[in-house]
């Protein structure tokens, strides 16, 4: 958590901050950006599966 009260997110934790831009690294290599985006995509895909499961459970 930064001094602004943000609780943070997965992406921000990698840079040593909460993701709000208050501290931590500000510049990343192309390889690091690609890796972070791929991990983010994987998290979104998992979230989609979880949402589909929740919808299915509510319908049954």
Protein backbone atom coordinates (compact mmCIF):
# COMPACT_ATOMS: atom_id res chain seq x y z
CA UNK A 1 0.00 0.00 0.00
CA UNK A 2 1.37 3.42 -0.93
CA UNK A 3 1.01 6.64 1.00
CA UNK A 4 -2.07 7.54 -1.04
CA UNK A 5 -4.08 4.64 0.41
CA UNK A 6 -4.14 2.45 -2.69
CA UNK A 7 -4.24 -1.24 -1.92
CA UNK A 8 -2.44 -2.15 -5.12
CA UNK A 9 -2.75 -4.73 -7.86
CA UNK A 10 -0.74 -7.61 -9.24
CA UNK A 11 0.93 -5.54 -11.93
CA UNK A 12 2.06 -2.85 -9.50
CA UNK A 13 3.52 -5.35 -7.05
CA UNK A 14 6.12 -6.40 -9.60
CA UNK A 15 7.47 -2.86 -9.73
CA UNK A 16 7.68 -2.50 -5.97
CA UNK A 17 4.65 -0.24 -5.69
CA UNK A 18 0.90 -0.38 -5.69
CA UNK A 19 0.61 0.55 -9.36
CA UNK A 20 -0.49 4.12 -8.78
CA UNK A 21 2.78 5.59 -10.02
CA UNK A 22 4.01 6.63 -6.58
CA UNK A 23 7.47 5.07 -6.43
CA UNK A 24 8.89 1.89 -7.92
CA UNK A 25 10.26 1.59 -11.42
CA UNK A 26 8.74 3.71 -14.14
CA UNK A 27 10.49 2.26 -17.19
CA UNK A 28 10.51 -1.37 -18.27
CA UNK A 29 12.21 -3.22 -21.09
CA UNK A 30 10.21 -4.49 -24.04
CA UNK A 31 10.65 -8.05 -22.73
CA UNK A 32 9.38 -7.08 -19.28
CA UNK A 33 6.33 -5.32 -20.74
CA UNK A 34 5.56 -8.34 -22.92
CA UNK A 35 5.86 -10.70 -19.94
CA UNK A 36 3.59 -8.52 -17.81
CA UNK A 37 0.97 -8.30 -20.56
CA UNK A 38 1.03 -12.07 -21.09
CA UNK A 39 0.54 -12.65 -17.36
CA UNK A 40 -2.27 -10.10 -17.35
CA UNK A 41 -3.96 -11.89 -20.27
CA UNK A 42 -3.68 -15.21 -18.45
CA UNK A 43 -5.29 -13.66 -15.36
CA UNK A 44 -8.13 -12.28 -17.47
CA UNK A 45 -8.69 -15.68 -19.09
CA UNK A 46 -8.88 -17.29 -15.63
CA UNK A 47 -11.33 -14.61 -14.55
CA UNK A 48 -13.54 -15.39 -17.56
CA UNK A 49 -13.60 -19.07 -16.58
CA UNK A 50 -14.54 -18.15 -13.01
CA UNK A 51 -17.34 -15.86 -14.18
CA UNK A 52 -18.71 -18.56 -16.46
CA UNK A 53 -18.66 -21.03 -13.55
CA UNK A 54 -20.45 -18.56 -11.28
CA UNK A 55 -23.14 -17.94 -13.91
CA UNK A 56 -23.59 -21.67 -14.41
CA UNK A 57 -23.94 -22.25 -10.64
CA UNK A 58 -26.54 -19.50 -10.36
CA UNK A 59 -28.58 -20.95 -13.21
CA UNK A 60 -28.61 -24.50 -11.79
